Amino acid sequence: MASASVARAGAEEGIEWSYNPWREGGVRAALSLAATMTLVALAAWAALPMAMLAALAVAIFALLAPGFIATRCRVDAAGVARRLGFFAWDARSWTAVHSASLTRHGVRIATGKGHRILAPFRTMVLPVPGSPRDTALRAELHARLEAHGD
């Protein structure tokens, strides 16, 4: 089974693909999962109040989950979107996008100007498979980003 599937019904509908970190780099996915479990275990060991522990566990999971959970991504005329597993879509409209670029690891979307310290919280990465058979996907993404001025 291919690591990316491109679904296109027309230029207006956009492109959609999936990214499975276990297929792309199983060692990195395993390390990400191990880091998540270790951090949650350390938080539990610290004997925090249950509400604080639950909030911290959710925050840790939310930050590290892209490293070990399959992601569905979409770029269309409305903007960009990403969904982790069965969770809700995280979408950004093109009007909210400050810059978008295709990097080695995926499409980097920045949504806001201002303080550099807050930049990571205003950034979304749509992971793109790195195998040679995914060259067509990368070319299509590059064309889409060019069309939106980034």
N, C-alpha and C. Protein backbone atom coordinates (compact mmCIF):
# COMPACT_ATOMS: atom_id res chain seq x y z
N MET A 1 0.84 -1.18 0.00
CA MET A 1 0.00 0.00 0.00
C MET A 1 0.88 1.24 0.00
N ALA A 2 0.59 2.19 -0.84
CA ALA A 2 1.38 3.40 -0.96
C ALA A 2 1.22 4.27 0.28
N SER A 3 2.28 5.02 0.58
CA SER A 3 2.23 5.87 1.75
C SER A 3 1.43 7.13 1.51
N ALA A 4 1.19 7.46 0.27
CA ALA A 4 0.39 8.65 -0.04
C ALA A 4 -0.59 8.31 -1.13
N SER A 5 -1.76 8.82 -0.97
CA SER A 5 -2.75 8.67 -2.03
C SER A 5 -3.27 10.06 -2.35
N VAL A 6 -3.25 10.38 -3.62
CA VAL A 6 -3.70 11.70 -4.04
C VAL A 6 -5.08 11.55 -4.66
N ALA A 7 -6.04 12.23 -4.09
CA ALA A 7 -7.41 12.21 -4.61
C ALA A 7 -7.69 13.55 -5.24
N ARG A 8 -7.94 13.55 -6.55
CA ARG A 8 -8.21 14.80 -7.26
C ARG A 8 -9.41 14.63 -8.14
N ALA A 9 -10.40 15.46 -7.94
CA ALA A 9 -11.57 15.44 -8.81
C ALA A 9 -11.60 16.69 -9.68
N GLY A 10 -10.71 17.61 -9.42
CA GLY A 10 -10.66 18.85 -10.18
C GLY A 10 -9.80 19.84 -9.43
N ALA A 11 -9.36 20.86 -10.13
CA ALA A 11 -8.47 21.84 -9.52
C ALA A 11 -9.12 22.55 -8.35
N GLU A 12 -10.45 22.77 -8.42
CA GLU A 12 -11.14 23.49 -7.36
C GLU A 12 -11.25 22.65 -6.08
N GLU A 13 -11.33 21.33 -6.25
CA GLU A 13 -11.50 20.47 -5.08
C GLU A 13 -10.20 20.23 -4.34
N GLY A 14 -9.08 20.44 -4.96
CA GLY A 14 -7.81 20.32 -4.30
C GLY A 14 -7.26 18.92 -4.30
N ILE A 15 -6.25 18.74 -3.47
CA ILE A 15 -5.60 17.44 -3.36
C ILE A 15 -5.63 17.00 -1.90
N GLU A 16 -5.66 15.71 -1.72
CA GLU A 16 -5.71 15.13 -0.38
C GLU A 16 -4.77 13.93 -0.36
N TRP A 17 -4.05 13.77 0.74
CA TRP A 17 -3.13 12.64 0.86
C TRP A 17 -3.05 12.21 2.32
N SER A 18 -2.47 11.05 2.53
CA SER A 18 -2.28 10.56 3.89
C SER A 18 -0.80 10.36 4.15
N TYR A 19 -0.44 10.44 5.41
CA TYR A 19 0.95 10.26 5.83
C TYR A 19 0.93 9.36 7.05
N ASN A 20 1.64 8.25 6.96
CA ASN A 20 1.74 7.32 8.08
C ASN A 20 3.17 7.31 8.59
N PRO A 21 3.43 7.85 9.78
CA PRO A 21 4.80 7.94 10.28
C PRO A 21 5.45 6.57 10.49
N TRP A 22 4.66 5.53 10.68
CA TRP A 22 5.23 4.19 10.88
C TRP A 22 5.79 3.65 9.57
N ARG A 23 5.23 4.04 8.44
CA ARG A 23 5.75 3.61 7.14
C ARG A 23 6.93 4.45 6.71
N GLU A 24 6.91 5.72 7.07
CA GLU A 24 7.96 6.64 6.64
C GLU A 24 9.24 6.50 7.45
N GLY A 25 9.12 6.27 8.71
CA GLY A 25 10.30 6.17 9.58
C GLY A 25 9.88 5.55 10.89
N GLY A 26 9.81 4.24 10.92
CA GLY A 26 9.33 3.53 12.11
C GLY A 26 10.11 3.85 13.37
N VAL A 27 11.40 4.07 13.24
CA VAL A 27 12.22 4.38 14.42
C VAL A 27 11.81 5.72 15.01
N ARG A 28 11.63 6.71 14.16
CA ARG A 28 11.20 8.03 14.66
C ARG A 28 9.82 7.96 15.29
N ALA A 29 8.91 7.20 14.69
CA ALA A 29 7.57 7.05 15.25
C ALA A 29 7.63 6.36 16.61
N ALA A 30 8.45 5.33 16.71
CA ALA A 30 8.60 4.63 17.99
C ALA A 30 9.21 5.54 19.05
N LEU A 31 10.19 6.35 18.67
CA LEU A 31 10.80 7.29 19.63
C LEU A 31 9.79 8.34 20.07
N SER A 32 8.97 8.81 19.15
CA SER A 32 7.95 9.80 19.50
C SER A 32 6.93 9.21 20.47
N LEU A 33 6.50 7.99 20.20
CA LEU A 33 5.56 7.32 21.11
C LEU A 33 6.20 7.08 22.47
N ALA A 34 7.46 6.64 22.48
CA ALA A 34 8.16 6.40 23.75
C ALA A 34 8.33 7.70 24.53
N ALA A 35 8.63 8.79 23.83
CA ALA A 35 8.77 10.08 24.51
C ALA A 35 7.45 10.52 25.13
N THR A 36 6.36 10.31 24.40
CA THR A 36 5.04 10.67 24.92
C THR A 36 4.73 9.88 26.19
N MET A 37 4.94 8.57 26.12
CA MET A 37 4.66 7.73 27.28
C MET A 37 5.56 8.07 28.47
N THR A 38 6.82 8.37 28.20
CA THR A 38 7.76 8.72 29.26
C THR A 38 7.38 10.03 29.94
N LEU A 39 7.03 11.03 29.15
CA LEU A 39 6.65 12.32 29.73
C LEU A 39 5.37 12.22 30.54
N VAL A 40 4.40 11.45 30.05
CA VAL A 40 3.16 11.27 30.82
C VAL A 40 3.46 10.50 32.11
N ALA A 41 4.32 9.50 32.03
CA ALA A 41 4.69 8.73 33.23
C ALA A 41 5.42 9.61 34.24
N LEU A 42 6.30 10.48 33.77
CA LEU A 42 7.00 11.40 34.68
C LEU A 42 6.02 12.37 35.34
N ALA A 43 5.05 12.84 34.57
CA ALA A 43 4.05 13.73 35.14
C ALA A 43 3.23 12.99 36.20
N ALA A 44 2.90 11.73 35.95
CA ALA A 44 2.15 10.94 36.93
C ALA A 44 3.00 10.69 38.17
N TRP A 45 4.28 10.45 37.97
CA TRP A 45 5.19 10.19 39.09
C TRP A 45 5.34 11.42 39.97
N ALA A 46 5.16 12.60 39.41
CA ALA A 46 5.31 13.85 40.16
C ALA A 46 4.15 14.07 41.12
N ALA A 47 3.17 13.19 41.11
CA ALA A 47 2.03 13.24 42.02
C ALA A 47 1.28 14.57 41.93
N LEU A 48 1.02 14.97 40.71
CA LEU A 48 0.24 16.18 40.48
C LEU A 48 -1.23 15.89 40.78
N PRO A 49 -2.00 16.92 41.07
CA PRO A 49 -3.45 16.71 41.23
C PRO A 49 -4.03 16.12 39.93
N MET A 50 -5.05 15.31 40.04
CA MET A 50 -5.59 14.58 38.89
C MET A 50 -5.98 15.48 37.72
N ALA A 51 -6.61 16.60 37.99
CA ALA A 51 -7.02 17.51 36.92
C ALA A 51 -5.80 18.07 36.19
N MET A 52 -4.78 18.44 36.93
CA MET A 52 -3.56 18.98 36.33
C MET A 52 -2.84 17.89 35.53
N LEU A 53 -2.80 16.68 36.06
CA LEU A 53 -2.17 15.57 35.37
C LEU A 53 -2.90 15.27 34.05
N ALA A 54 -4.21 15.28 34.09
CA ALA A 54 -4.99 15.01 32.87
C ALA A 54 -4.74 16.09 31.83
N ALA A 55 -4.73 17.35 32.24
CA ALA A 55 -4.48 18.45 31.31
C ALA A 55 -3.07 18.36 30.72
N LEU A 56 -2.10 18.03 31.56
CA LEU A 56 -0.72 17.90 31.08
C LEU A 56 -0.58 16.72 30.12
N ALA A 57 -1.23 15.61 30.43
CA ALA A 57 -1.18 14.43 29.55
C ALA A 57 -1.80 14.75 28.19
N VAL A 58 -2.91 15.47 28.18
CA VAL A 58 -3.54 15.85 26.91
C VAL A 58 -2.62 16.78 26.12
N ALA A 59 -1.98 17.72 26.79
CA ALA A 59 -1.08 18.66 26.12
C ALA A 59 0.13 17.92 25.52
N ILE A 60 0.70 17.01 26.28
CA ILE A 60 1.84 16.22 25.79
C ILE A 60 1.43 15.41 24.57
N PHE A 61 0.28 14.75 24.68
CA PHE A 61 -0.21 13.94 23.57
C PHE A 61 -0.44 14.80 22.34
N ALA A 62 -1.06 15.96 22.52
CA ALA A 62 -1.37 16.84 21.39
C ALA A 62 -0.10 17.32 20.69
N LEU A 63 0.94 17.57 21.45
CA LEU A 63 2.18 18.05 20.86
C LEU A 63 2.96 16.96 20.13
N LEU A 64 2.94 15.74 20.66
CA LEU A 64 3.77 14.69 20.10
C LEU A 64 3.03 13.68 19.22
N ALA A 65 1.72 13.71 19.21
CA ALA A 65 0.93 12.76 18.43
C ALA A 65 1.25 12.76 16.93
N PRO A 66 1.54 13.90 16.31
CA PRO A 66 1.86 13.84 14.88
C PRO A 66 3.05 12.94 14.55
N GLY A 67 3.87 12.66 15.53
CA GLY A 67 5.02 11.79 15.31
C GLY A 67 4.69 10.32 15.23
N PHE A 68 3.51 9.91 15.71
CA PHE A 68 3.19 8.48 15.70
C PHE A 68 1.76 8.14 15.29
N ILE A 69 0.96 9.12 14.92
CA ILE A 69 -0.41 8.87 14.47
C ILE A 69 -0.54 9.28 13.00
N ALA A 70 -1.20 8.45 12.22
CA ALA A 70 -1.40 8.74 10.80
C ALA A 70 -2.16 10.05 10.63
N THR A 71 -1.80 10.78 9.59
CA THR A 71 -2.36 12.10 9.34
C THR A 71 -2.97 12.14 7.94
N ARG A 72 -4.10 12.78 7.83
CA ARG A 72 -4.75 13.02 6.54
C ARG A 72 -4.61 14.52 6.27
N CYS A 73 -4.16 14.90 5.08
CA CYS A 73 -3.93 16.30 4.76
C CYS A 73 -4.67 16.70 3.50
N ARG A 74 -5.00 17.99 3.42
CA ARG A 74 -5.73 18.50 2.27
C ARG A 74 -5.28 19.93 1.96
N VAL A 75 -5.10 20.22 0.68
CA VAL A 75 -4.84 21.57 0.20
C VAL A 75 -5.85 21.82 -0.91
N ASP A 76 -6.67 22.86 -0.74
CA ASP A 76 -7.68 23.16 -1.74
C ASP A 76 -7.84 24.67 -1.89
N ALA A 77 -8.83 25.09 -2.63
CA ALA A 77 -9.04 26.52 -2.89
C ALA A 77 -9.38 27.29 -1.62
N ALA A 78 -9.96 26.63 -0.63
CA ALA A 78 -10.34 27.29 0.62
C ALA A 78 -9.15 27.47 1.56
N GLY A 79 -8.18 26.55 1.51
CA GLY A 79 -7.03 26.64 2.39
C GLY A 79 -6.37 25.28 2.57
N VAL A 80 -5.86 25.07 3.78
CA VAL A 80 -5.16 23.82 4.10
C VAL A 80 -5.79 23.21 5.33
N ALA A 81 -5.68 21.89 5.45
CA ALA A 81 -6.26 21.21 6.61
C ALA A 81 -5.47 19.95 6.92
N ARG A 82 -5.52 19.55 8.19
CA ARG A 82 -4.84 18.34 8.66
C ARG A 82 -5.72 17.66 9.69
N ARG A 83 -5.76 16.33 9.63
CA ARG A 83 -6.52 15.56 10.61
C ARG A 83 -5.65 14.43 11.11
N LEU A 84 -5.52 14.34 12.44
CA LEU A 84 -4.77 13.26 13.06
C LEU A 84 -5.72 12.13 13.40
N GLY A 85 -5.47 10.96 12.86
CA GLY A 85 -6.29 9.80 13.18
C GLY A 85 -7.76 10.09 12.95
N PHE A 86 -8.57 9.85 13.98
CA PHE A 86 -10.02 10.08 13.87
C PHE A 86 -10.43 11.41 14.50
N PHE A 87 -9.46 12.24 14.84
CA PHE A 87 -9.75 13.50 15.49
C PHE A 87 -10.27 14.52 14.48
N ALA A 88 -10.68 15.65 14.95
CA ALA A 88 -11.25 16.71 14.10
C ALA A 88 -10.19 17.31 13.18
N TRP A 89 -10.66 17.91 12.10
CA TRP A 89 -9.78 18.59 11.16
C TRP A 89 -9.30 19.91 11.77
N ASP A 90 -8.04 20.23 11.55
CA ASP A 90 -7.45 21.52 11.91
C ASP A 90 -7.24 22.24 10.59
N ALA A 91 -8.09 23.23 10.31
CA ALA A 91 -8.06 23.89 9.00
C ALA A 91 -7.66 25.35 9.14
N ARG A 92 -6.97 25.86 8.11
CA ARG A 92 -6.59 27.27 8.03
C ARG A 92 -6.98 27.78 6.65
N SER A 93 -7.68 28.88 6.60
CA SER A 93 -8.06 29.46 5.30
C SER A 93 -6.85 30.19 4.72
N TRP A 94 -6.86 30.37 3.41
CA TRP A 94 -5.75 31.06 2.77
C TRP A 94 -5.64 32.50 3.26
N THR A 95 -6.75 33.10 3.67
CA THR A 95 -6.68 34.48 4.17
C THR A 95 -5.93 34.55 5.49
N ALA A 96 -5.91 33.47 6.25
CA ALA A 96 -5.21 33.44 7.53
C ALA A 96 -3.74 33.04 7.39
N VAL A 97 -3.37 32.53 6.22
CA VAL A 97 -2.00 32.04 6.02
C VAL A 97 -1.08 33.21 5.69
N HIS A 98 -0.05 33.35 6.51
CA HIS A 98 0.95 34.40 6.31
C HIS A 98 2.00 33.93 5.31
N SER A 99 2.43 32.70 5.44
CA SER A 99 3.38 32.13 4.49
C SER A 99 3.21 30.61 4.44
N ALA A 100 3.54 30.05 3.30
CA ALA A 100 3.47 28.60 3.10
C ALA A 100 4.65 28.19 2.25
N SER A 101 5.33 27.14 2.66
CA SER A 101 6.48 26.67 1.89
C SER A 101 6.57 25.15 1.94
N LEU A 102 7.11 24.60 0.88
CA LEU A 102 7.31 23.16 0.79
C LEU A 102 8.73 22.86 1.25
N THR A 103 8.86 22.12 2.33
CA THR A 103 10.17 21.78 2.88
C THR A 103 10.43 20.29 2.65
N ARG A 104 11.54 19.83 3.13
CA ARG A 104 11.90 18.41 3.00
C ARG A 104 10.88 17.50 3.67
N HIS A 105 10.32 17.95 4.78
CA HIS A 105 9.41 17.13 5.56
C HIS A 105 7.94 17.35 5.25
N GLY A 106 7.61 18.46 4.61
CA GLY A 106 6.21 18.71 4.32
C GLY A 106 5.93 20.16 3.99
N VAL A 107 4.66 20.51 4.05
CA VAL A 107 4.23 21.88 3.79
C VAL A 107 4.17 22.61 5.12
N ARG A 108 4.94 23.68 5.24
CA ARG A 108 4.97 24.48 6.47
C ARG A 108 4.08 25.69 6.27
N ILE A 109 3.08 25.81 7.13
CA ILE A 109 2.10 26.89 7.06
C ILE A 109 2.28 27.78 8.29
N ALA A 110 2.53 29.06 8.08
CA ALA A 110 2.63 30.02 9.18
C ALA A 110 1.41 30.93 9.11
N THR A 111 0.75 31.11 10.25
CA THR A 111 -0.48 31.90 10.28
C THR A 111 -0.36 33.07 11.24
N GLY A 112 0.48 33.98 10.91
CA GLY A 112 0.55 35.17 11.75
C GLY A 112 1.92 35.76 11.78
N LYS A 113 1.94 37.06 11.93
CA LYS A 113 3.19 37.79 12.08
C LYS A 113 3.37 38.07 13.56
N GLY A 114 4.51 38.60 13.88
CA GLY A 114 4.68 39.01 15.25
C GLY A 114 5.85 38.35 15.93
N HIS A 115 5.69 38.10 17.21
CA HIS A 115 6.76 37.63 18.05
C HIS A 115 7.29 36.27 17.60
N ARG A 116 8.61 36.18 17.52
CA ARG A 116 9.24 34.93 17.12
C ARG A 116 9.02 33.83 18.14
N ILE A 117 8.88 34.20 19.38
CA ILE A 117 8.71 33.18 20.43
C ILE A 117 7.38 32.44 20.27
N LEU A 118 6.38 33.09 19.68
CA LEU A 118 5.08 32.46 19.48
C LEU A 118 4.95 31.77 18.12
N ALA A 119 5.95 31.91 17.26
CA ALA A 119 5.88 31.36 15.91
C ALA A 119 5.56 29.86 15.88
N PRO A 120 6.16 29.03 16.73
CA PRO A 120 5.84 27.59 16.67
C PRO A 120 4.37 27.29 16.94
N PHE A 121 3.70 28.14 17.69
CA PHE A 121 2.29 27.92 18.01
C PHE A 121 1.37 28.41 16.89
N ARG A 122 1.94 29.15 15.96
CA ARG A 122 1.17 29.64 14.81
C ARG A 122 1.54 28.90 13.53
N THR A 123 2.24 27.80 13.67
CA THR A 123 2.72 27.04 12.52
C THR A 123 2.05 25.68 12.46
N MET A 124 1.70 25.26 11.26
CA MET A 124 1.15 23.93 11.03
C MET A 124 2.03 23.27 9.97
N VAL A 125 2.31 22.00 10.16
CA VAL A 125 3.07 21.26 9.16
C VAL A 125 2.19 20.13 8.63
N LEU A 126 2.04 20.10 7.32
CA LEU A 126 1.34 19.01 6.66
C LEU A 126 2.43 18.06 6.17
N PRO A 127 2.63 16.93 6.83
CA PRO A 127 3.72 16.04 6.43
C PRO A 127 3.49 15.45 5.05
N VAL A 128 4.56 15.35 4.29
CA VAL A 128 4.51 14.80 2.93
C VAL A 128 5.45 13.60 2.89
N PRO A 129 4.98 12.48 2.38
CA PRO A 129 5.85 11.30 2.25
C PRO A 129 7.09 11.63 1.45
N GLY A 130 8.18 10.98 1.78
CA GLY A 130 9.45 11.29 1.15
C GLY A 130 9.93 10.31 0.11
N SER A 131 9.13 9.34 -0.28
CA SER A 131 9.60 8.36 -1.26
C SER A 131 9.59 8.96 -2.67
N PRO A 132 10.43 8.42 -3.56
CA PRO A 132 10.49 8.94 -4.93
C PRO A 132 9.15 8.87 -5.67
N ARG A 133 8.29 7.90 -5.34
CA ARG A 133 7.00 7.81 -6.04
C ARG A 133 6.06 8.95 -5.67
N ASP A 134 6.41 9.72 -4.67
CA ASP A 134 5.58 10.85 -4.25
C ASP A 134 6.03 12.16 -4.89
N THR A 135 6.85 12.09 -5.94
CA THR A 135 7.32 13.29 -6.63
C THR A 135 6.16 14.06 -7.24
N ALA A 136 5.17 13.35 -7.78
CA ALA A 136 4.01 14.02 -8.37
C ALA A 136 3.24 14.82 -7.32
N LEU A 137 3.11 14.27 -6.13
CA LEU A 137 2.43 14.99 -5.04
C LEU A 137 3.20 16.25 -4.70
N ARG A 138 4.51 16.16 -4.58
CA ARG A 138 5.33 17.33 -4.26
C ARG A 138 5.22 18.40 -5.36
N ALA A 139 5.23 17.97 -6.61
CA ALA A 139 5.10 18.91 -7.72
C ALA A 139 3.75 19.62 -7.69
N GLU A 140 2.69 18.88 -7.42
CA GLU A 140 1.35 19.48 -7.34
C GLU A 140 1.26 20.45 -6.16
N LEU A 141 1.83 20.08 -5.03
CA LEU A 141 1.83 20.98 -3.87
C LEU A 141 2.61 22.25 -4.16
N HIS A 142 3.75 22.11 -4.81
CA HIS A 142 4.56 23.28 -5.16
C HIS A 142 3.75 24.22 -6.05
N ALA A 143 3.04 23.65 -7.04
CA ALA A 143 2.21 24.47 -7.93
C ALA A 143 1.08 25.17 -7.15
N ARG A 144 0.46 24.46 -6.21
CA ARG A 144 -0.63 25.05 -5.41
C ARG A 144 -0.11 26.21 -4.58
N LEU A 145 1.06 26.03 -3.95
CA LEU A 145 1.62 27.09 -3.11
C LEU A 145 2.02 28.29 -3.96
N GLU A 146 2.56 28.04 -5.13
CA GLU A 146 2.91 29.14 -6.06
C GLU A 146 1.65 29.92 -6.44
N ALA A 147 0.55 29.22 -6.64
CA ALA A 147 -0.70 29.88 -7.03
C ALA A 147 -1.21 30.82 -5.95
N HIS A 148 -0.83 30.56 -4.71
CA HIS A 148 -1.28 31.41 -3.59
C HIS A 148 -0.20 32.39 -3.15
N GLY A 149 0.85 32.52 -3.97
CA GLY A 149 1.83 33.57 -3.72
C GLY A 149 2.91 33.22 -2.72
N ASP A 150 3.07 31.95 -2.36
CA ASP A 150 4.13 31.59 -1.41
C ASP A 150 5.01 30.52 -1.99
